[in-house]
Protein backbone atom coordinates (compact mmCIF):
# COMPACT_ATOMS: atom_id res chain seq x y z
CA UNK A 1 0.00 0.00 0.00
CA UNK A 2 1.36 3.39 -1.03
CA UNK A 3 -0.48 6.67 -0.69
CA UNK A 4 0.74 10.18 -1.38
CA UNK A 5 -0.56 13.64 -0.52
CA UNK A 6 0.64 17.17 -1.19
CA UNK A 7 -0.11 20.17 0.93
CA UNK A 8 1.19 23.60 1.74
CA UNK A 9 2.22 24.07 5.36
CA UNK A 10 4.05 26.70 7.38
CA UNK A 11 7.34 25.24 6.13
CA UNK A 12 6.43 25.45 2.43
CA UNK A 13 5.30 22.69 0.10
CA UNK A 14 5.12 19.22 1.65
CA UNK A 15 5.35 15.61 0.45
CA UNK A 16 3.49 12.98 2.48
CA UNK A 17 3.87 9.29 1.63
CA UNK A 18 2.53 6.30 3.54
CA UNK A 19 3.89 2.88 2.69
CA UNK A 20 3.54 -0.51 4.32
CA UNK A 21 6.48 -2.92 4.46
CA UNK A 22 6.50 -6.66 5.20
CA UNK A 23 9.16 -6.26 7.88
CA UNK A 24 9.42 -5.52 11.58
CA UNK A 25 9.65 -1.87 12.61
CA UNK A 26 13.21 -2.44 13.91
CA UNK A 27 14.40 -3.53 10.46
CA UNK A 28 12.85 -0.51 8.75
CA UNK A 29 14.38 1.82 11.37
CA UNK A 30 17.79 0.18 10.79
CA UNK A 31 17.50 0.94 7.06
CA UNK A 32 17.10 4.64 7.89
CA UNK A 33 19.96 4.88 10.39
CA UNK A 34 22.76 2.50 9.36
CA UNK A 35 25.21 3.89 6.76
CA UNK A 36 25.63 0.57 4.92
CA UNK A 37 21.88 -0.05 4.88
CA UNK A 38 21.20 3.50 3.61
CA UNK A 39 23.68 2.93 0.79
CA UNK A 40 21.63 -0.03 -0.47
CA UNK A 41 18.35 1.83 -1.02
CA UNK A 42 18.68 5.61 -0.69
CA UNK A 43 20.03 6.30 -4.21
CA UNK A 44 17.42 7.52 -6.68
CA UNK A 45 16.72 5.43 -9.79
CA UNK A 46 19.67 5.55 -12.19
CA UNK A 47 22.22 6.24 -9.44
CA UNK A 48 24.51 4.26 -7.13
CA UNK A 49 25.63 5.26 -3.65
CA UNK A 50 29.41 5.56 -3.66
CA UNK A 51 29.86 6.91 -0.11
CA UNK A 52 27.70 6.85 3.00
CA UNK A 53 28.03 7.93 6.61
CA UNK A 54 25.48 8.14 9.40
CA UNK A 55 25.67 9.19 13.06
CA UNK A 56 22.04 8.56 14.14
CA UNK A 57 21.70 10.73 17.23
CA UNK A 58 20.29 14.22 17.69
CA UNK A 59 22.93 16.55 16.25
CA UNK A 60 24.70 13.72 14.41
CA UNK A 61 25.35 14.09 10.72
CA UNK A 62 24.61 11.92 7.72
CA UNK A 63 25.88 12.10 4.14
CA UNK A 64 25.49 10.08 0.96
CA UNK A 65 27.27 10.63 -2.35
CA UNK A 66 25.62 9.35 -5.52
CA UNK A 67 26.99 8.61 -8.97
CA UNK A 68 24.94 8.19 -12.11
CA UNK A 69 25.17 4.64 -13.44
CA UNK A 70 26.69 6.19 -16.57
CA UNK A 71 29.44 7.59 -14.32
CA UNK A 72 29.06 11.11 -15.67
CA UNK A 73 27.25 12.82 -12.80
CA UNK A 74 27.82 12.98 -9.02
CA UNK A 75 25.85 14.75 -6.32
CA UNK A 76 25.31 14.39 -2.58
CA UNK A 77 22.58 14.62 0.01
CA UNK A 78 23.43 15.44 3.58
CA UNK A 79 22.01 16.74 6.80
CA UNK A 80 21.70 16.42 10.54
CA UNK A 81 19.54 14.13 12.64
CA UNK A 82 17.15 16.29 14.66
CA UNK A 83 15.28 13.52 16.47
CA UNK A 84 15.93 9.80 16.86
CA UNK A 85 13.42 7.71 18.82
CA UNK A 86 14.59 4.11 18.37
CA UNK A 87 12.27 2.05 16.19
CA UNK A 88 9.55 4.78 16.20
CA UNK A 89 10.57 8.14 14.74
CA UNK A 90 13.38 9.90 12.89
CA UNK A 91 13.60 13.56 11.92
CA UNK A 92 16.49 14.85 9.85
CA UNK A 93 17.41 17.78 7.70
CA UNK A 94 18.20 17.15 4.03
CA UNK A 95 20.20 19.31 1.65
CA UNK A 96 20.94 18.31 -1.95
CA UNK A 97 24.27 19.57 -3.28
CA UNK A 98 24.86 19.24 -7.02
CA UNK A 99 28.14 20.85 -8.06
CA UNK A 100 27.88 24.51 -7.18
CA UNK A 101 24.08 24.36 -6.83
CA UNK A 102 22.54 23.69 -3.41
CA UNK A 103 18.80 23.18 -2.99
CA UNK A 104 17.06 24.65 0.07
CA UNK A 105 17.15 22.59 3.25
CA UNK A 106 14.12 20.41 3.85
CA UNK A 107 12.97 18.48 6.92
CA UNK A 108 12.28 14.75 6.63
CA UNK A 109 10.20 13.01 9.29
CA UNK A 110 9.70 9.25 9.34
CA UNK A 111 7.23 7.63 11.74
CA UNK A 112 7.03 3.84 12.04
CA UNK A 113 4.05 1.88 13.39
CA UNK A 114 3.53 -1.86 13.84
CA UNK A 115 0.54 -3.00 11.80
CA UNK A 116 1.23 -6.74 11.69
CA UNK A 117 1.64 -9.51 14.21
CA UNK A 118 4.75 -11.06 15.77
CA UNK A 119 4.33 -13.97 13.36
CA UNK A 120 3.78 -11.71 10.33
CA UNK A 121 5.46 -8.38 11.02
CA UNK A 122 4.41 -5.37 8.98
CA UNK A 123 5.37 -1.74 9.41
CA UNK A 124 3.52 1.35 8.28
CA UNK A 125 5.95 4.15 7.42
CA UNK A 126 4.63 7.70 7.41
CA UNK A 127 7.11 9.84 5.50
CA UNK A 128 6.89 13.65 5.41
CA UNK A 129 9.27 16.07 3.75
CA UNK A 130 8.61 19.78 4.20
CA UNK A 131 10.25 23.01 3.18
CA UNK A 132 9.97 22.97 -0.62
CA UNK A 133 9.56 26.33 -2.32
CA UNK A 134 8.96 24.94 -5.81
CA UNK A 135 6.24 22.49 -6.87
CA UNK A 136 8.55 21.23 -9.65
CA UNK A 137 11.36 20.37 -7.20
CA UNK A 138 8.88 18.80 -4.79
CA UNK A 139 7.38 16.66 -7.55
CA UNK A 140 10.82 15.63 -8.84
CA UNK A 141 11.90 14.63 -5.34
CA UNK A 142 8.66 12.76 -4.73
CA UNK A 143 9.35 10.65 -7.81
CA UNK A 144 12.84 9.99 -6.49
CA UNK A 145 11.49 8.90 -3.10
CA UNK A 146 8.97 6.57 -4.71
CA UNK A 147 11.82 4.85 -6.58
CA UNK A 148 13.90 4.65 -3.42
CA UNK A 149 11.02 3.12 -1.46
CA UNK A 150 10.58 0.41 -4.12
CA UNK A 151 14.24 -0.49 -3.58
CA UNK A 152 13.77 -0.32 0.21
CA UNK A 153 10.82 -2.73 0.03
CA UNK A 154 12.85 -5.13 -2.11
CA UNK A 155 15.79 -4.86 0.30
CA UNK A 156 13.55 -5.65 3.27
CA UNK A 157 11.90 -8.56 1.45
CA UNK A 158 15.08 -10.21 0.17
CA UNK A 159 17.94 -9.46 2.56
CA UNK A 160 18.26 -10.89 6.03
CA UNK A 161 20.13 -9.08 8.75
CA UNK A 162 20.33 -8.79 12.51
CA UNK A 163 18.22 -5.64 12.70
C-alpha atoms as a PDB file:
ATOM      1  CA  UNK A   1       0.000   0.000   0.000  1.00  0.00           C
ATOM      2  CA  UNK A   2       1.360   3.387  -1.028  1.00  0.00           C
ATOM      3  CA  UNK A   3      -0.476   6.669  -0.690  1.00  0.00           C
ATOM      4  CA  UNK A   4       0.739  10.179  -1.384  1.00  0.00           C
ATOM      5  CA  UNK A   5      -0.556  13.638  -0.524  1.00  0.00           C
ATOM      6  CA  UNK A   6       0.641  17.172  -1.189  1.00  0.00           C
ATOM      7  CA  UNK A   7      -0.108  20.170   0.930  1.00  0.00           C
ATOM      8  CA  UNK A   8       1.194  23.602   1.743  1.00  0.00           C
ATOM      9  CA  UNK A   9       2.225  24.072   5.356  1.00  0.00           C
ATOM     10  CA  UNK A  10       4.050  26.705   7.376  1.00  0.00           C
ATOM     11  CA  UNK A  11       7.342  25.245   6.131  1.00  0.00           C
ATOM     12  CA  UNK A  12       6.432  25.449   2.433  1.00  0.00           C
ATOM     13  CA  UNK A  13       5.304  22.689   0.103  1.00  0.00           C
ATOM     14  CA  UNK A  14       5.120  19.219   1.651  1.00  0.00           C
ATOM     15  CA  UNK A  15       5.350  15.609   0.451  1.00  0.00           C
ATOM     16  CA  UNK A  16       3.495  12.979   2.478  1.00  0.00           C
ATOM     17  CA  UNK A  17       3.870   9.290   1.629  1.00  0.00           C
ATOM     18  CA  UNK A  18       2.531   6.296   3.537  1.00  0.00           C
ATOM     19  CA  UNK A  19       3.891   2.877   2.692  1.00  0.00           C
ATOM     20  CA  UNK A  20       3.535  -0.510   4.324  1.00  0.00           C
ATOM     21  CA  UNK A  21       6.481  -2.924   4.460  1.00  0.00           C
ATOM     22  CA  UNK A  22       6.499  -6.655   5.203  1.00  0.00           C
ATOM     23  CA  UNK A  23       9.156  -6.256   7.884  1.00  0.00           C
ATOM     24  CA  UNK A  24       9.418  -5.516  11.582  1.00  0.00           C
ATOM     25  CA  UNK A  25       9.650  -1.875  12.607  1.00  0.00           C
ATOM     26  CA  UNK A  26      13.211  -2.439  13.913  1.00  0.00           C
ATOM     27  CA  UNK A  27      14.396  -3.534  10.459  1.00  0.00           C
ATOM     28  CA  UNK A  28      12.853  -0.509   8.755  1.00  0.00           C
ATOM     29  CA  UNK A  29      14.383   1.815  11.370  1.00  0.00           C
ATOM     30  CA  UNK A  30      17.790   0.181  10.793  1.00  0.00           C
ATOM     31  CA  UNK A  31      17.495   0.943   7.058  1.00  0.00           C
ATOM     32  CA  UNK A  32      17.098   4.645   7.886  1.00  0.00           C
ATOM     33  CA  UNK A  33      19.961   4.885  10.393  1.00  0.00           C
ATOM     34  CA  UNK A  34      22.763   2.499   9.357  1.00  0.00           C
ATOM     35  CA  UNK A  35      25.212   3.887   6.763  1.00  0.00           C
ATOM     36  CA  UNK A  36      25.634   0.569   4.922  1.00  0.00           C
ATOM     37  CA  UNK A  37      21.876  -0.047   4.884  1.00  0.00           C
ATOM     38  CA  UNK A  38      21.203   3.496   3.609  1.00  0.00           C
ATOM     39  CA  UNK A  39      23.680   2.932   0.788  1.00  0.00           C
ATOM     40  CA  UNK A  40      21.633  -0.028  -0.473  1.00  0.00           C
ATOM     41  CA  UNK A  41      18.347   1.829  -1.023  1.00  0.00           C
ATOM     42  CA  UNK A  42      18.683   5.607  -0.691  1.00  0.00           C
ATOM     43  CA  UNK A  43      20.027   6.297  -4.214  1.00  0.00           C
ATOM     44  CA  UNK A  44      17.420   7.517  -6.682  1.00  0.00           C
ATOM     45  CA  UNK A  45      16.724   5.433  -9.791  1.00  0.00           C
ATOM     46  CA  UNK A  46      19.670   5.548 -12.186  1.00  0.00           C
ATOM     47  CA  UNK A  47      22.219   6.242  -9.439  1.00  0.00           C
ATOM     48  CA  UNK A  48      24.513   4.259  -7.132  1.00  0.00           C
ATOM     49  CA  UNK A  49      25.630   5.264  -3.651  1.00  0.00           C
ATOM     50  CA  UNK A  50      29.414   5.564  -3.664  1.00  0.00           C
ATOM     51  CA  UNK A  51      29.862   6.908  -0.109  1.00  0.00           C
ATOM     52  CA  UNK A  52      27.696   6.847   3.002  1.00  0.00           C
ATOM     53  CA  UNK A  53      28.033   7.935   6.608  1.00  0.00           C
ATOM     54  CA  UNK A  54      25.484   8.136   9.405  1.00  0.00           C
ATOM     55  CA  UNK A  55      25.671   9.189  13.063  1.00  0.00           C
ATOM     56  CA  UNK A  56      22.045   8.564  14.141  1.00  0.00           C
ATOM     57  CA  UNK A  57      21.697  10.726  17.235  1.00  0.00           C
ATOM     58  CA  UNK A  58      20.289  14.223  17.686  1.00  0.00           C
ATOM     59  CA  UNK A  59      22.926  16.552  16.250  1.00  0.00           C
ATOM     60  CA  UNK A  60      24.700  13.720  14.414  1.00  0.00           C
ATOM     61  CA  UNK A  61      25.346  14.086  10.724  1.00  0.00           C
ATOM     62  CA  UNK A  62      24.614  11.922   7.722  1.00  0.00           C
ATOM     63  CA  UNK A  63      25.879  12.104   4.139  1.00  0.00           C
ATOM     64  CA  UNK A  64      25.489  10.084   0.957  1.00  0.00           C
ATOM     65  CA  UNK A  65      27.273  10.626  -2.348  1.00  0.00           C
ATOM     66  CA  UNK A  66      25.619   9.352  -5.515  1.00  0.00           C
ATOM     67  CA  UNK A  67      26.993   8.614  -8.967  1.00  0.00           C
ATOM     68  CA  UNK A  68      24.940   8.185 -12.111  1.00  0.00           C
ATOM     69  CA  UNK A  69      25.173   4.637 -13.444  1.00  0.00           C
ATOM     70  CA  UNK A  70      26.688   6.192 -16.573  1.00  0.00           C
ATOM     71  CA  UNK A  71      29.443   7.588 -14.324  1.00  0.00           C
ATOM     72  CA  UNK A  72      29.056  11.111 -15.669  1.00  0.00           C
ATOM     73  CA  UNK A  73      27.247  12.815 -12.796  1.00  0.00           C
ATOM     74  CA  UNK A  74      27.823  12.982  -9.020  1.00  0.00           C
ATOM     75  CA  UNK A  75      25.850  14.752  -6.325  1.00  0.00           C
ATOM     76  CA  UNK A  76      25.306  14.392  -2.582  1.00  0.00           C
ATOM     77  CA  UNK A  77      22.577  14.619   0.007  1.00  0.00           C
ATOM     78  CA  UNK A  78      23.433  15.435   3.584  1.00  0.00           C
ATOM     79  CA  UNK A  79      22.006  16.741   6.796  1.00  0.00           C
ATOM     80  CA  UNK A  80      21.695  16.424  10.538  1.00  0.00           C
ATOM     81  CA  UNK A  81      19.545  14.128  12.642  1.00  0.00           C
ATOM     82  CA  UNK A  82      17.154  16.291  14.663  1.00  0.00           C
ATOM     83  CA  UNK A  83      15.280  13.525  16.470  1.00  0.00           C
ATOM     84  CA  UNK A  84      15.930   9.803  16.858  1.00  0.00           C
ATOM     85  CA  UNK A  85      13.423   7.712  18.817  1.00  0.00           C
ATOM     86  CA  UNK A  86      14.588   4.112  18.369  1.00  0.00           C
ATOM     87  CA  UNK A  87      12.268   2.054  16.188  1.00  0.00           C
ATOM     88  CA  UNK A  88       9.552   4.778  16.204  1.00  0.00           C
ATOM     89  CA  UNK A  89      10.568   8.139  14.741  1.00  0.00           C
ATOM     90  CA  UNK A  90      13.376   9.896  12.895  1.00  0.00           C
ATOM     91  CA  UNK A  91      13.596  13.559  11.921  1.00  0.00           C
ATOM     92  CA  UNK A  92      16.491  14.850   9.853  1.00  0.00           C
ATOM     93  CA  UNK A  93      17.413  17.783   7.696  1.00  0.00           C
ATOM     94  CA  UNK A  94      18.202  17.151   4.030  1.00  0.00           C
ATOM     95  CA  UNK A  95      20.196  19.312   1.651  1.00  0.00           C
ATOM     96  CA  UNK A  96      20.936  18.308  -1.945  1.00  0.00           C
ATOM     97  CA  UNK A  97      24.269  19.565  -3.285  1.00  0.00           C
ATOM     98  CA  UNK A  98      24.862  19.237  -7.025  1.00  0.00           C
ATOM     99  CA  UNK A  99      28.136  20.850  -8.062  1.00  0.00           C
ATOM    100  CA  UNK A 100      27.876  24.509  -7.178  1.00  0.00           C
ATOM    101  CA  UNK A 101      24.081  24.360  -6.832  1.00  0.00           C
ATOM    102  CA  UNK A 102      22.540  23.688  -3.409  1.00  0.00           C
ATOM    103  CA  UNK A 103      18.805  23.179  -2.993  1.00  0.00           C
ATOM    104  CA  UNK A 104      17.060  24.655   0.066  1.00  0.00           C
ATOM    105  CA  UNK A 105      17.149  22.594   3.246  1.00  0.00           C
ATOM    106  CA  UNK A 106      14.116  20.409   3.855  1.00  0.00           C
ATOM    107  CA  UNK A 107      12.971  18.485   6.918  1.00  0.00           C
ATOM    108  CA  UNK A 108      12.277  14.755   6.630  1.00  0.00           C
ATOM    109  CA  UNK A 109      10.195  13.014   9.290  1.00  0.00           C
ATOM    110  CA  UNK A 110       9.704   9.245   9.340  1.00  0.00           C
ATOM    111  CA  UNK A 111       7.228   7.626  11.741  1.00  0.00           C
ATOM    112  CA  UNK A 112       7.028   3.839  12.042  1.00  0.00           C
ATOM    113  CA  UNK A 113       4.053   1.876  13.391  1.00  0.00           C
ATOM    114  CA  UNK A 114       3.535  -1.864  13.839  1.00  0.00           C
ATOM    115  CA  UNK A 115       0.543  -2.997  11.796  1.00  0.00           C
ATOM    116  CA  UNK A 116       1.231  -6.744  11.690  1.00  0.00           C
ATOM    117  CA  UNK A 117       1.640  -9.514  14.214  1.00  0.00           C
ATOM    118  CA  UNK A 118       4.753 -11.059  15.769  1.00  0.00           C
ATOM    119  CA  UNK A 119       4.332 -13.970  13.358  1.00  0.00           C
ATOM    120  CA  UNK A 120       3.778 -11.709  10.328  1.00  0.00           C
ATOM    121  CA  UNK A 121       5.456  -8.378  11.023  1.00  0.00           C
ATOM    122  CA  UNK A 122       4.412  -5.367   8.983  1.00  0.00           C
ATOM    123  CA  UNK A 123       5.366  -1.744   9.406  1.00  0.00           C
ATOM    124  CA  UNK A 124       3.516   1.354   8.277  1.00  0.00           C
ATOM    125  CA  UNK A 125       5.948   4.148   7.422  1.00  0.00           C
ATOM    126  CA  UNK A 126       4.631   7.703   7.410  1.00  0.00           C
ATOM    127  CA  UNK A 127       7.110   9.845   5.502  1.00  0.00           C
ATOM    128  CA  UNK A 128       6.890  13.645   5.413  1.00  0.00           C
ATOM    129  CA  UNK A 129       9.275  16.075   3.747  1.00  0.00           C
ATOM    130  CA  UNK A 130       8.609  19.780   4.198  1.00  0.00           C
ATOM    131  CA  UNK A 131      10.250  23.014   3.178  1.00  0.00           C
ATOM    132  CA  UNK A 132       9.974  22.968  -0.618  1.00  0.00           C
ATOM    133  CA  UNK A 133       9.556  26.330  -2.316  1.00  0.00           C
ATOM    134  CA  UNK A 134       8.965  24.940  -5.806  1.00  0.00           C
ATOM    135  CA  UNK A 135       6.239  22.492  -6.874  1.00  0.00           C
ATOM    136  CA  UNK A 136       8.550  21.230  -9.645  1.00  0.00           C
ATOM    137  CA  UNK A 137      11.361  20.372  -7.203  1.00  0.00           C
ATOM    138  CA  UNK A 138       8.877  18.805  -4.792  1.00  0.00           C
ATOM    139  CA  UNK A 139       7.382  16.657  -7.553  1.00  0.00           C
ATOM    140  CA  UNK A 140      10.817  15.628  -8.844  1.00  0.00           C
ATOM    141  CA  UNK A 141      11.896  14.628  -5.340  1.00  0.00           C
ATOM    142  CA  UNK A 142       8.656  12.757  -4.735  1.00  0.00           C
ATOM    143  CA  UNK A 143       9.348  10.650  -7.815  1.00  0.00           C
ATOM    144  CA  UNK A 144      12.844   9.991  -6.491  1.00  0.00           C
ATOM    145  CA  UNK A 145      11.495   8.898  -3.105  1.00  0.00           C
ATOM    146  CA  UNK A 146       8.974   6.567  -4.714  1.00  0.00           C
ATOM    147  CA  UNK A 147      11.817   4.854  -6.584  1.00  0.00           C
ATOM    148  CA  UNK A 148      13.900   4.651  -3.418  1.00  0.00           C
ATOM    149  CA  UNK A 149      11.016   3.125  -1.462  1.00  0.00           C
ATOM    150  CA  UNK A 150      10.579   0.414  -4.119  1.00  0.00           C
ATOM    151  CA  UNK A 151      14.241  -0.489  -3.581  1.00  0.00           C
ATOM    152  CA  UNK A 152      13.768  -0.322   0.212  1.00  0.00           C
ATOM    153  CA  UNK A 153      10.816  -2.726   0.033  1.00  0.00           C
ATOM    154  CA  UNK A 154      12.847  -5.130  -2.113  1.00  0.00           C
ATOM    155  CA  UNK A 155      15.785  -4.859   0.296  1.00  0.00           C
ATOM    156  CA  UNK A 156      13.552  -5.651   3.274  1.00  0.00           C
ATOM    157  CA  UNK A 157      11.898  -8.565   1.448  1.00  0.00           C
ATOM    158  CA  UNK A 158      15.076 -10.208   0.174  1.00  0.00           C
ATOM    159  CA  UNK A 159      17.941  -9.458   2.561  1.00  0.00           C
ATOM    160  CA  UNK A 160      18.261 -10.890   6.030  1.00  0.00           C
ATOM    161  CA  UNK A 161      20.126  -9.076   8.750  1.00  0.00           C
ATOM    162  CA  UNK A 162      20.335  -8.786  12.507  1.00  0.00           C
ATOM    163  CA  UNK A 163      18.217  -5.643  12.703  1.00  0.00           C
END
